[in-house]
Protein backbone atom coordinates (compact mmCIF):
# COMPACT_ATOMS: atom_id res chain seq x y z
CA MET A 1 17.48 -104.43 33.22
CA ARG A 2 18.94 -102.18 30.48
CA THR A 3 22.37 -100.96 30.64
CA ALA A 4 23.64 -97.95 29.29
CA VAL A 5 26.19 -98.66 26.01
CA ALA A 6 26.95 -95.00 25.32
CA ALA A 7 27.04 -92.00 27.08
CA GLN A 8 28.18 -88.06 26.40
CA TYR A 9 28.39 -84.86 28.59
CA TRP A 10 28.06 -81.54 26.51
CA VAL A 11 27.99 -78.02 27.43
CA VAL A 12 26.05 -75.15 25.70
CA ALA A 13 26.70 -71.51 26.27
CA GLY A 14 26.67 -68.67 23.92
CA GLY A 15 25.67 -70.32 20.68
CA ALA A 16 28.32 -72.99 21.10
CA ALA A 17 28.02 -76.86 22.15
CA THR A 18 31.51 -78.52 23.34
CA VAL A 19 31.41 -81.97 24.01
CA LEU A 20 33.46 -82.65 27.41
CA LYS A 21 33.47 -86.45 27.50
CA LEU A 22 32.24 -89.63 25.23
CA ALA A 23 32.16 -92.81 26.48
CA HIS A 24 30.66 -96.19 24.95
CA ASP A 25 30.71 -99.76 26.12
CA GLU A 26 33.30 -101.67 23.65
CA ALA A 27 31.22 -104.97 24.10
CA ALA A 28 28.62 -103.25 21.82
CA ARG A 29 31.21 -101.34 19.54
CA ALA A 30 29.75 -103.80 16.43
CA HIS A 31 26.72 -101.48 16.91
CA SER A 32 28.34 -98.15 16.92
CA PRO A 33 26.66 -96.81 19.89
CA GLY A 34 28.97 -93.97 20.12
CA THR A 35 27.99 -92.71 16.40
CA VAL A 36 24.47 -93.11 16.93
CA LEU A 37 24.37 -91.22 20.23
CA THR A 38 26.53 -88.34 18.71
CA ALA A 39 24.31 -88.45 15.79
CA ALA A 40 21.25 -88.07 18.06
CA MET A 41 22.94 -85.75 20.18
CA ILE A 42 24.02 -83.26 17.38
CA ARG A 43 20.32 -83.25 15.97
CA HIS A 44 18.99 -82.17 19.07
CA LEU A 45 21.70 -79.55 19.56
CA LEU A 46 20.80 -77.98 16.20
CA ASP A 47 16.91 -78.20 16.26
CA ARG A 48 16.35 -77.41 20.00
CA LYS A 49 18.98 -75.57 21.29
CA GLY A 50 19.96 -73.63 18.07
CA GLY A 51 23.62 -74.32 18.43
CA ALA A 52 25.66 -72.50 15.73
CA GLU A 53 28.91 -74.28 16.52
CA LEU A 54 30.16 -77.65 17.94
CA ASP A 55 33.09 -78.33 19.57
CA PHE A 56 34.89 -81.31 19.79
CA GLY A 57 37.45 -80.20 22.33
CA ARG A 58 40.82 -81.02 22.36
CA GLY A 59 42.90 -83.69 20.56
CA GLU A 60 43.37 -85.64 17.43
CA ASP A 61 40.54 -88.60 18.04
CA ALA A 62 39.81 -90.19 14.54
CA TYR A 63 36.10 -89.87 15.05
CA LYS A 64 36.17 -85.78 15.23
CA SER A 65 37.05 -85.77 11.13
CA LEU A 66 33.75 -87.75 10.71
CA TRP A 67 31.79 -84.95 12.19
CA ALA A 68 33.81 -81.68 11.79
CA GLY A 69 34.66 -80.51 8.23
CA ARG A 70 37.61 -78.30 9.59
CA ARG A 71 39.85 -78.26 12.25
CA ARG A 72 40.88 -75.04 14.41
CA ARG A 73 43.33 -74.86 16.67
CA HIS A 74 43.53 -73.68 20.27
CA ILE A 75 46.93 -72.04 21.24
CA GLY A 76 47.22 -70.88 24.94
CA VAL A 77 49.88 -70.06 27.76
CA VAL A 78 50.05 -71.86 30.78
CA LEU A 79 51.84 -70.14 33.70
CA VAL A 80 52.52 -72.09 37.18
CA SER A 81 55.28 -71.62 39.70
CA PRO A 82 57.12 -74.98 40.49
CA ARG A 83 58.10 -73.62 43.69
CA TRP A 84 54.66 -74.12 45.26
CA PRO A 85 52.74 -77.65 45.36
CA ALA A 86 49.85 -76.37 43.45
CA GLY A 87 52.45 -75.50 40.52
CA LEU A 88 54.16 -78.75 40.69
CA LEU A 89 50.94 -80.10 40.51
CA ALA A 90 49.61 -77.95 37.76
CA LEU A 91 52.78 -78.62 35.62
CA GLY A 92 52.37 -82.12 36.37
CA ARG A 93 49.06 -82.40 35.04
CA LEU A 94 50.24 -80.56 31.86
CA VAL A 95 53.29 -82.93 30.88
CA ALA A 96 50.70 -85.80 31.58
CA ASN A 97 48.35 -83.98 28.83
CA MET A 98 50.67 -83.49 26.30
CA THR A 99 52.62 -87.24 26.72
CA GLU A 100 49.12 -88.28 26.38
CA GLN A 101 48.29 -86.49 23.28
CA ALA A 102 51.39 -87.38 21.38
């Protein structure tokens, strides 16, 4: 039986390919399955989909500098009302994401 050692989810839209999720099996880390899969995905996206731009998403993960020659910051505004349960939930997620990235 074969077992997957790496997986990725990409979205392609408007000439840009954005990676949403990367994962690899730590037990196979010595063989760099994530790096091999990223290289194959980039080749596929550029050759077959004609993608003009690759976006590795938010965060300061070290692997991104291996694939991207430059970094572009995305700045946005999140408006929530803490008076409503949905607003409190959104605010909690925002704070959790900011804490995780720090």
